[in-house]
Amino acid sequence: MKRSVDSLITSEKAYVFAHIKPDREIDITKMTEKDFVNNAFEFNAHLYLYNLGKTPAIINKIAFDGVKSKTCPTKENLPEPKDPLIYFVGSSDNGVQQNQFHFTINKDELHKIHTDFSITYYCFGYVKYTTIFRKKHTHGFCFELVAPHGQFIRTPDSELNYDT
């Protein structure tokens, strides 16, 4: 009996995942002088949460930050958690925007991101949520800005990418 209950909970539970989307295109091959203000390019990285499970998730806390770095952030870099903007992510929602981080990139940095990859921009953090079965979970994430089209992709082999 317990095995079938555990199986039901596993198959029906909420699975919350994060995704980062910039609010504008970051493709250096298409940029003109109009895209820069005071020799800098500005954009917001938006955090979206998706529930790929069959039941709703109750969002308890969110930690989200952005950083320019030569190396991937670690758990020591995690920001303080905050209350979410939206406390509920349904299983049929098409992504719920939770937060954003403002980036300013100067021309030299943008060139390094797109040509020699000596620096990159990371968005990272975690989401703590509870399922309707009263089980607590954490989804950790780390995304990096990659060339040539300036999209955020999940950073391979980062200790910040985990699920509990």
N, C-alpha and C. Protein backbone atom coordinates (compact mmCIF):
# COMPACT_ATOMS: atom_id res chain seq x y z
N MET A 1 0.82 -1.20 0.00
CA MET A 1 0.00 0.00 0.00
C MET A 1 0.86 1.27 0.00
N LYS A 2 1.86 1.30 0.91
CA LYS A 2 2.73 2.47 0.99
C LYS A 2 3.44 2.71 -0.33
N ARG A 3 3.86 1.66 -0.99
CA ARG A 3 4.56 1.78 -2.26
C ARG A 3 3.67 2.43 -3.32
N SER A 4 2.40 2.08 -3.34
CA SER A 4 1.50 2.68 -4.33
C SER A 4 1.21 4.15 -4.00
N VAL A 5 1.14 4.49 -2.71
CA VAL A 5 0.95 5.89 -2.31
C VAL A 5 2.17 6.71 -2.71
N ASP A 6 3.37 6.19 -2.42
CA ASP A 6 4.60 6.89 -2.81
C ASP A 6 4.68 7.07 -4.32
N SER A 7 4.27 6.06 -5.06
CA SER A 7 4.27 6.13 -6.52
C SER A 7 3.32 7.21 -7.02
N LEU A 8 2.13 7.29 -6.40
CA LEU A 8 1.16 8.32 -6.78
C LEU A 8 1.70 9.71 -6.51
N ILE A 9 2.30 9.90 -5.34
CA ILE A 9 2.85 11.21 -4.98
C ILE A 9 3.96 11.61 -5.96
N THR A 10 4.81 10.67 -6.31
CA THR A 10 5.90 10.96 -7.25
C THR A 10 5.37 11.32 -8.63
N SER A 11 4.37 10.60 -9.10
CA SER A 11 3.86 10.85 -10.46
C SER A 11 2.98 12.09 -10.55
N GLU A 12 2.37 12.50 -9.45
CA GLU A 12 1.43 13.61 -9.47
C GLU A 12 1.99 14.92 -8.91
N LYS A 13 3.15 14.88 -8.30
CA LYS A 13 3.66 16.07 -7.60
C LYS A 13 4.06 17.19 -8.55
N ALA A 14 4.22 18.36 -7.97
CA ALA A 14 4.71 19.52 -8.72
C ALA A 14 6.21 19.38 -8.96
N TYR A 15 6.66 19.82 -10.13
CA TYR A 15 8.09 19.89 -10.47
C TYR A 15 8.35 21.30 -10.97
N VAL A 16 8.93 22.14 -10.12
CA VAL A 16 9.17 23.54 -10.47
C VAL A 16 10.57 23.69 -11.05
N PHE A 17 10.64 24.41 -12.18
CA PHE A 17 11.91 24.68 -12.84
C PHE A 17 12.00 26.16 -13.17
N ALA A 18 13.23 26.67 -13.18
CA ALA A 18 13.48 28.08 -13.49
C ALA A 18 14.00 28.21 -14.91
N HIS A 19 13.75 29.37 -15.49
CA HIS A 19 14.31 29.72 -16.78
C HIS A 19 14.56 31.23 -16.79
N ILE A 20 15.61 31.66 -17.46
CA ILE A 20 15.97 33.08 -17.53
C ILE A 20 15.79 33.56 -18.96
N LYS A 21 15.12 34.70 -19.11
CA LYS A 21 14.92 35.30 -20.43
C LYS A 21 15.31 36.78 -20.37
N PRO A 22 16.17 37.23 -21.29
CA PRO A 22 16.46 38.67 -21.36
C PRO A 22 15.27 39.41 -21.97
N ASP A 23 15.11 40.67 -21.60
CA ASP A 23 13.98 41.45 -22.11
C ASP A 23 14.25 42.06 -23.48
N ARG A 24 15.46 41.88 -24.00
CA ARG A 24 15.76 42.36 -25.34
C ARG A 24 16.86 41.50 -25.95
N GLU A 25 16.99 41.59 -27.25
CA GLU A 25 17.98 40.79 -27.96
C GLU A 25 19.39 41.26 -27.61
N ILE A 26 20.29 40.30 -27.42
CA ILE A 26 21.67 40.61 -27.05
C ILE A 26 22.59 39.95 -28.08
N ASP A 27 22.42 40.29 -29.33
CA ASP A 27 23.22 39.72 -30.41
C ASP A 27 24.16 40.81 -30.92
N ILE A 28 25.45 40.68 -30.59
CA ILE A 28 26.42 41.72 -30.94
C ILE A 28 26.54 41.91 -32.45
N THR A 29 26.25 40.88 -33.21
CA THR A 29 26.36 40.99 -34.68
C THR A 29 25.27 41.89 -35.27
N LYS A 30 24.21 42.15 -34.50
CA LYS A 30 23.11 42.99 -35.00
C LYS A 30 23.05 44.36 -34.32
N MET A 31 23.94 44.62 -33.38
CA MET A 31 23.88 45.86 -32.62
C MET A 31 24.42 47.04 -33.41
N THR A 32 23.82 48.20 -33.16
CA THR A 32 24.30 49.45 -33.74
C THR A 32 24.56 50.43 -32.59
N GLU A 33 25.07 51.59 -32.91
CA GLU A 33 25.34 52.60 -31.87
C GLU A 33 24.08 52.97 -31.10
N LYS A 34 22.91 52.85 -31.72
CA LYS A 34 21.65 53.19 -31.05
C LYS A 34 21.36 52.27 -29.86
N ASP A 35 21.95 51.07 -29.88
CA ASP A 35 21.72 50.11 -28.79
C ASP A 35 22.51 50.46 -27.53
N PHE A 36 23.47 51.38 -27.64
CA PHE A 36 24.33 51.71 -26.51
C PHE A 36 24.03 53.11 -26.00
N VAL A 37 23.99 53.25 -24.68
CA VAL A 37 23.83 54.54 -24.02
C VAL A 37 25.06 54.71 -23.12
N ASN A 38 25.80 55.80 -23.34
CA ASN A 38 27.04 56.05 -22.59
C ASN A 38 27.99 54.86 -22.68
N ASN A 39 28.13 54.30 -23.89
CA ASN A 39 29.03 53.19 -24.17
C ASN A 39 28.63 51.89 -23.45
N ALA A 40 27.37 51.79 -23.05
CA ALA A 40 26.92 50.59 -22.34
C ALA A 40 25.59 50.09 -22.92
N PHE A 41 25.39 48.80 -22.78
CA PHE A 41 24.16 48.13 -23.21
C PHE A 41 23.46 47.65 -21.95
N GLU A 42 22.18 47.99 -21.81
CA GLU A 42 21.44 47.60 -20.61
C GLU A 42 20.30 46.67 -20.96
N PHE A 43 20.05 45.71 -20.07
CA PHE A 43 18.91 44.81 -20.24
C PHE A 43 18.54 44.22 -18.89
N ASN A 44 17.36 43.66 -18.82
CA ASN A 44 16.89 42.95 -17.63
C ASN A 44 16.82 41.47 -17.95
N ALA A 45 17.30 40.66 -17.00
CA ALA A 45 17.16 39.21 -17.09
C ALA A 45 15.98 38.82 -16.21
N HIS A 46 14.95 38.23 -16.80
CA HIS A 46 13.74 37.88 -16.07
C HIS A 46 13.76 36.42 -15.66
N LEU A 47 13.40 36.18 -14.41
CA LEU A 47 13.29 34.82 -13.87
C LEU A 47 11.85 34.35 -14.06
N TYR A 48 11.68 33.24 -14.76
CA TYR A 48 10.37 32.61 -14.94
C TYR A 48 10.37 31.25 -14.26
N LEU A 49 9.27 30.91 -13.63
CA LEU A 49 9.10 29.59 -13.03
C LEU A 49 8.07 28.80 -13.81
N TYR A 50 8.39 27.54 -14.04
CA TYR A 50 7.47 26.63 -14.73
C TYR A 50 7.22 25.44 -13.83
N ASN A 51 6.00 24.96 -13.82
CA ASN A 51 5.66 23.75 -13.09
C ASN A 51 5.36 22.67 -14.12
N LEU A 52 6.25 21.70 -14.23
CA LEU A 52 6.07 20.63 -15.19
C LEU A 52 5.36 19.42 -14.59
N GLY A 53 4.93 19.55 -13.35
CA GLY A 53 4.19 18.47 -12.70
C GLY A 53 2.70 18.55 -12.98
N LYS A 54 1.96 17.66 -12.33
CA LYS A 54 0.51 17.57 -12.56
C LYS A 54 -0.31 18.31 -11.51
N THR A 55 0.32 18.76 -10.43
CA THR A 55 -0.40 19.45 -9.36
C THR A 55 0.29 20.78 -9.07
N PRO A 56 -0.40 21.71 -8.43
CA PRO A 56 0.17 23.04 -8.17
C PRO A 56 1.33 23.01 -7.18
N ALA A 57 2.12 24.08 -7.22
CA ALA A 57 3.22 24.28 -6.28
C ALA A 57 2.98 25.57 -5.52
N ILE A 58 3.29 25.57 -4.25
CA ILE A 58 3.22 26.77 -3.43
C ILE A 58 4.65 27.27 -3.25
N ILE A 59 4.93 28.46 -3.76
CA ILE A 59 6.29 29.02 -3.70
C ILE A 59 6.48 29.66 -2.33
N ASN A 60 7.52 29.21 -1.61
CA ASN A 60 7.79 29.72 -0.27
C ASN A 60 8.85 30.83 -0.25
N LYS A 61 9.95 30.60 -0.92
CA LYS A 61 11.04 31.58 -0.95
C LYS A 61 11.75 31.51 -2.30
N ILE A 62 12.34 32.64 -2.68
CA ILE A 62 13.12 32.73 -3.90
C ILE A 62 14.41 33.49 -3.59
N ALA A 63 15.52 32.96 -4.08
CA ALA A 63 16.79 33.68 -4.04
C ALA A 63 17.25 33.81 -5.49
N PHE A 64 17.59 35.02 -5.91
CA PHE A 64 17.92 35.27 -7.31
C PHE A 64 18.92 36.40 -7.38
N ASP A 65 19.97 36.20 -8.17
CA ASP A 65 20.98 37.22 -8.31
C ASP A 65 21.65 37.10 -9.68
N GLY A 66 22.40 38.11 -10.04
CA GLY A 66 23.16 38.11 -11.27
C GLY A 66 24.54 38.65 -11.00
N VAL A 67 25.52 38.14 -11.75
CA VAL A 67 26.89 38.56 -11.53
C VAL A 67 27.69 38.42 -12.82
N LYS A 68 28.65 39.33 -13.01
CA LYS A 68 29.63 39.22 -14.09
C LYS A 68 30.86 38.55 -13.49
N SER A 69 31.35 37.48 -14.16
CA SER A 69 32.45 36.75 -13.56
C SER A 69 33.22 35.96 -14.61
N LYS A 70 34.46 35.60 -14.27
CA LYS A 70 35.25 34.71 -15.12
C LYS A 70 34.93 33.25 -14.81
N THR A 71 34.38 33.00 -13.62
CA THR A 71 34.07 31.64 -13.21
C THR A 71 32.63 31.55 -12.71
N CYS A 72 32.11 30.37 -12.73
CA CYS A 72 30.73 30.13 -12.29
C CYS A 72 30.58 30.40 -10.80
N PRO A 73 29.48 31.03 -10.37
CA PRO A 73 29.25 31.25 -8.94
C PRO A 73 29.14 29.91 -8.20
N THR A 74 29.34 29.96 -6.89
CA THR A 74 29.24 28.77 -6.05
C THR A 74 28.17 29.01 -4.98
N LYS A 75 27.95 28.01 -4.14
CA LYS A 75 26.93 28.13 -3.09
C LYS A 75 27.24 29.28 -2.13
N GLU A 76 28.52 29.62 -1.99
CA GLU A 76 28.88 30.74 -1.11
C GLU A 76 28.39 32.08 -1.66
N ASN A 77 28.10 32.14 -2.97
CA ASN A 77 27.64 33.37 -3.60
C ASN A 77 26.13 33.56 -3.56
N LEU A 78 25.40 32.58 -3.01
CA LEU A 78 23.94 32.66 -3.06
C LEU A 78 23.41 33.86 -2.28
N PRO A 79 22.43 34.55 -2.84
CA PRO A 79 21.84 35.71 -2.16
C PRO A 79 20.88 35.28 -1.06
N GLU A 80 20.47 36.25 -0.26
CA GLU A 80 19.47 35.99 0.77
C GLU A 80 18.12 35.71 0.11
N PRO A 81 17.37 34.75 0.63
CA PRO A 81 16.05 34.46 0.04
C PRO A 81 15.05 35.57 0.34
N LYS A 82 14.09 35.73 -0.56
CA LYS A 82 13.04 36.73 -0.42
C LYS A 82 11.69 36.06 -0.61
N ASP A 83 10.66 36.77 -0.19
CA ASP A 83 9.31 36.29 -0.46
C ASP A 83 9.03 36.41 -1.95
N PRO A 84 8.32 35.44 -2.51
CA PRO A 84 8.02 35.50 -3.94
C PRO A 84 7.00 36.58 -4.28
N LEU A 85 7.01 36.99 -5.54
CA LEU A 85 6.00 37.93 -6.01
C LEU A 85 4.67 37.21 -6.22
N ILE A 86 4.75 35.97 -6.65
CA ILE A 86 3.56 35.14 -6.88
C ILE A 86 3.76 33.85 -6.09
N TYR A 87 2.77 33.46 -5.31
CA TYR A 87 2.93 32.35 -4.39
C TYR A 87 2.45 31.01 -4.94
N PHE A 88 1.96 30.98 -6.16
CA PHE A 88 1.31 29.78 -6.66
C PHE A 88 1.68 29.57 -8.12
N VAL A 89 2.13 28.39 -8.46
CA VAL A 89 2.44 28.06 -9.85
C VAL A 89 1.64 26.82 -10.20
N GLY A 90 0.65 27.00 -11.05
CA GLY A 90 -0.18 25.88 -11.47
C GLY A 90 0.52 25.01 -12.49
N SER A 91 -0.01 23.83 -12.69
CA SER A 91 0.62 22.91 -13.63
C SER A 91 0.37 23.29 -15.08
N SER A 92 -0.58 24.16 -15.35
CA SER A 92 -0.85 24.55 -16.74
C SER A 92 -0.37 25.97 -17.05
N ASP A 93 0.28 26.63 -16.09
CA ASP A 93 0.78 27.98 -16.34
C ASP A 93 1.89 27.96 -17.38
N ASN A 94 1.92 28.98 -18.21
CA ASN A 94 2.96 29.08 -19.24
C ASN A 94 4.15 29.89 -18.74
N GLY A 95 4.55 29.67 -17.55
CA GLY A 95 5.66 30.41 -16.96
C GLY A 95 5.15 31.59 -16.17
N VAL A 96 5.61 31.73 -14.96
CA VAL A 96 5.20 32.81 -14.08
C VAL A 96 6.44 33.65 -13.79
N GLN A 97 6.41 34.91 -14.21
CA GLN A 97 7.56 35.78 -13.97
C GLN A 97 7.62 36.12 -12.49
N GLN A 98 8.79 35.92 -11.91
CA GLN A 98 8.95 36.14 -10.48
C GLN A 98 9.82 37.33 -10.13
N ASN A 99 10.85 37.56 -10.90
CA ASN A 99 11.82 38.57 -10.51
C ASN A 99 12.64 38.96 -11.73
N GLN A 100 13.46 39.98 -11.57
CA GLN A 100 14.36 40.36 -12.65
C GLN A 100 15.64 40.92 -12.05
N PHE A 101 16.70 40.87 -12.86
CA PHE A 101 17.98 41.43 -12.46
C PHE A 101 18.45 42.34 -13.58
N HIS A 102 18.85 43.55 -13.23
CA HIS A 102 19.27 44.54 -14.23
C HIS A 102 20.77 44.42 -14.48
N PHE A 103 21.15 44.30 -15.76
CA PHE A 103 22.55 44.24 -16.16
C PHE A 103 22.91 45.46 -16.99
N THR A 104 24.11 45.95 -16.79
CA THR A 104 24.70 46.97 -17.66
C THR A 104 26.02 46.40 -18.15
N ILE A 105 26.17 46.29 -19.46
CA ILE A 105 27.37 45.72 -20.06
C ILE A 105 28.02 46.78 -20.93
N ASN A 106 29.31 47.07 -20.68
CA ASN A 106 29.97 48.02 -21.57
C ASN A 106 30.43 47.30 -22.84
N LYS A 107 30.82 48.05 -23.84
CA LYS A 107 31.17 47.48 -25.15
C LYS A 107 32.32 46.48 -25.05
N ASP A 108 33.33 46.78 -24.25
CA ASP A 108 34.46 45.86 -24.11
C ASP A 108 34.03 44.53 -23.50
N GLU A 109 33.19 44.59 -22.47
CA GLU A 109 32.69 43.36 -21.85
C GLU A 109 31.86 42.55 -22.83
N LEU A 110 31.01 43.22 -23.58
CA LEU A 110 30.16 42.54 -24.55
C LEU A 110 31.02 41.84 -25.59
N HIS A 111 32.09 42.50 -26.00
CA HIS A 111 33.01 41.89 -26.96
C HIS A 111 33.66 40.63 -26.36
N LYS A 112 34.05 40.69 -25.08
CA LYS A 112 34.66 39.53 -24.41
C LYS A 112 33.68 38.36 -24.30
N ILE A 113 32.42 38.66 -24.05
CA ILE A 113 31.41 37.61 -23.96
C ILE A 113 31.25 36.91 -25.30
N HIS A 114 31.25 37.69 -26.37
CA HIS A 114 30.95 37.14 -27.69
C HIS A 114 32.15 36.64 -28.48
N THR A 115 33.37 37.00 -28.08
CA THR A 115 34.51 36.59 -28.90
C THR A 115 35.48 35.67 -28.16
N ASP A 116 36.07 36.14 -27.05
CA ASP A 116 37.07 35.29 -26.40
C ASP A 116 36.54 34.57 -25.15
N PHE A 117 35.29 34.81 -24.79
CA PHE A 117 34.63 34.11 -23.68
C PHE A 117 35.38 34.23 -22.35
N SER A 118 36.12 35.33 -22.15
CA SER A 118 36.91 35.49 -20.93
C SER A 118 36.05 35.91 -19.73
N ILE A 119 34.85 36.42 -19.97
CA ILE A 119 33.90 36.69 -18.88
C ILE A 119 32.52 36.27 -19.37
N THR A 120 31.63 36.09 -18.43
CA THR A 120 30.23 35.90 -18.80
C THR A 120 29.35 36.45 -17.68
N TYR A 121 28.09 36.52 -17.97
CA TYR A 121 27.10 36.95 -16.98
C TYR A 121 26.30 35.74 -16.55
N TYR A 122 26.15 35.60 -15.25
CA TYR A 122 25.42 34.47 -14.67
C TYR A 122 24.18 34.98 -13.94
N CYS A 123 23.09 34.25 -14.04
CA CYS A 123 21.91 34.43 -13.20
C CYS A 123 21.75 33.13 -12.43
N PHE A 124 21.59 33.23 -11.12
CA PHE A 124 21.59 32.01 -10.31
C PHE A 124 20.73 32.21 -9.06
N GLY A 125 20.40 31.10 -8.43
CA GLY A 125 19.62 31.15 -7.20
C GLY A 125 18.90 29.86 -6.95
N TYR A 126 17.79 29.95 -6.21
CA TYR A 126 16.99 28.77 -5.92
C TYR A 126 15.56 29.18 -5.60
N VAL A 127 14.68 28.18 -5.71
CA VAL A 127 13.27 28.35 -5.39
C VAL A 127 12.89 27.26 -4.39
N LYS A 128 12.33 27.66 -3.27
CA LYS A 128 11.81 26.69 -2.30
C LYS A 128 10.30 26.64 -2.47
N TYR A 129 9.76 25.42 -2.59
CA TYR A 129 8.33 25.27 -2.80
C TYR A 129 7.80 24.05 -2.08
N THR A 130 6.50 24.04 -1.89
CA THR A 130 5.80 22.94 -1.23
C THR A 130 4.76 22.39 -2.18
N THR A 131 4.63 21.07 -2.21
CA THR A 131 3.62 20.44 -3.04
C THR A 131 2.31 20.34 -2.27
N ILE A 132 1.24 19.97 -2.95
CA ILE A 132 -0.04 19.79 -2.25
C ILE A 132 0.00 18.59 -1.32
N PHE A 133 1.04 17.77 -1.44
CA PHE A 133 1.23 16.63 -0.55
C PHE A 133 2.08 17.02 0.66
N ARG A 134 2.31 18.33 0.83
CA ARG A 134 3.04 18.92 1.96
C ARG A 134 4.51 18.51 2.00
N LYS A 135 5.06 18.20 0.86
CA LYS A 135 6.49 17.88 0.76
C LYS A 135 7.22 19.13 0.31
N LYS A 136 8.34 19.44 0.98
CA LYS A 136 9.13 20.62 0.65
C LYS A 136 10.24 20.23 -0.33
N HIS A 137 10.46 21.10 -1.31
CA HIS A 137 11.48 20.87 -2.33
C HIS A 137 12.23 22.17 -2.61
N THR A 138 13.42 22.01 -3.16
CA THR A 138 14.22 23.16 -3.59
C THR A 138 14.73 22.89 -5.00
N HIS A 139 14.59 23.89 -5.86
CA HIS A 139 15.15 23.83 -7.21
C HIS A 139 16.23 24.90 -7.30
N GLY A 140 17.48 24.47 -7.44
CA GLY A 140 18.60 25.39 -7.60
C GLY A 140 18.93 25.54 -9.07
N PHE A 141 19.41 26.71 -9.46
CA PHE A 141 19.68 26.95 -10.87
C PHE A 141 20.83 27.93 -11.06
N CYS A 142 21.52 27.76 -12.19
CA CYS A 142 22.56 28.69 -12.62
C CYS A 142 22.53 28.72 -14.14
N PHE A 143 22.35 29.92 -14.69
CA PHE A 143 22.31 30.12 -16.14
C PHE A 143 23.41 31.10 -16.52
N GLU A 144 23.95 30.94 -17.72
CA GLU A 144 24.98 31.85 -18.20
C GLU A 144 24.59 32.41 -19.56
N LEU A 145 25.00 33.63 -19.79
CA LEU A 145 24.76 34.31 -21.06
C LEU A 145 25.77 33.81 -22.08
N VAL A 146 25.28 33.31 -23.21
CA VAL A 146 26.19 32.75 -24.22
C VAL A 146 26.01 33.44 -25.56
N ALA A 147 27.08 33.43 -26.34
CA ALA A 147 27.07 33.97 -27.70
C ALA A 147 26.57 32.88 -28.64
N PRO A 148 26.18 33.20 -29.85
CA PRO A 148 26.18 34.53 -30.44
C PRO A 148 24.86 35.27 -30.24
N HIS A 149 23.82 34.59 -29.83
CA HIS A 149 22.50 35.23 -29.81
C HIS A 149 22.09 35.75 -28.44
N GLY A 150 22.97 35.70 -27.47
CA GLY A 150 22.70 36.30 -26.18
C GLY A 150 21.55 35.69 -25.42
N GLN A 151 21.49 34.38 -25.37
CA GLN A 151 20.47 33.69 -24.59
C GLN A 151 21.12 33.13 -23.33
N PHE A 152 20.31 32.96 -22.29
CA PHE A 152 20.79 32.33 -21.08
C PHE A 152 20.54 30.83 -21.19
N ILE A 153 21.60 30.04 -20.98
CA ILE A 153 21.46 28.59 -20.96
C ILE A 153 21.89 28.07 -19.59
N ARG A 154 21.40 26.91 -19.24
CA ARG A 154 21.76 26.29 -17.97
C ARG A 154 23.26 25.98 -17.98
N THR A 155 23.97 26.43 -16.95
CA THR A 155 25.41 26.24 -16.87
C THR A 155 25.73 24.77 -16.61
N PRO A 156 26.47 24.14 -17.52
CA PRO A 156 26.79 22.72 -17.31
C PRO A 156 27.67 22.52 -16.08
N ASP A 157 27.44 21.46 -15.36
CA ASP A 157 28.28 21.05 -14.24
C ASP A 157 28.33 22.04 -13.08
N SER A 158 27.37 22.93 -12.96
CA SER A 158 27.35 23.86 -11.84
C SER A 158 26.74 23.19 -10.61
N GLU A 159 27.36 23.38 -9.45
CA GLU A 159 26.80 22.84 -8.21
C GLU A 159 25.48 23.52 -7.83
N LEU A 160 25.17 24.63 -8.49
CA LEU A 160 23.92 25.35 -8.20
C LEU A 160 22.72 24.76 -8.92
N ASN A 161 22.94 23.85 -9.85
CA ASN A 161 21.83 23.18 -10.55
C ASN A 161 21.50 21.89 -9.80
N TYR A 162 20.40 21.91 -9.06
CA TYR A 162 20.02 20.73 -8.28
C TYR A 162 18.53 20.76 -7.98
N ASP A 163 18.01 19.62 -7.58
CA ASP A 163 16.62 19.49 -7.13
C ASP A 163 16.60 18.57 -5.92
N THR A 164 15.84 18.99 -4.91
CA THR A 164 15.68 18.12 -3.73
C THR A 164 14.22 17.84 -3.51
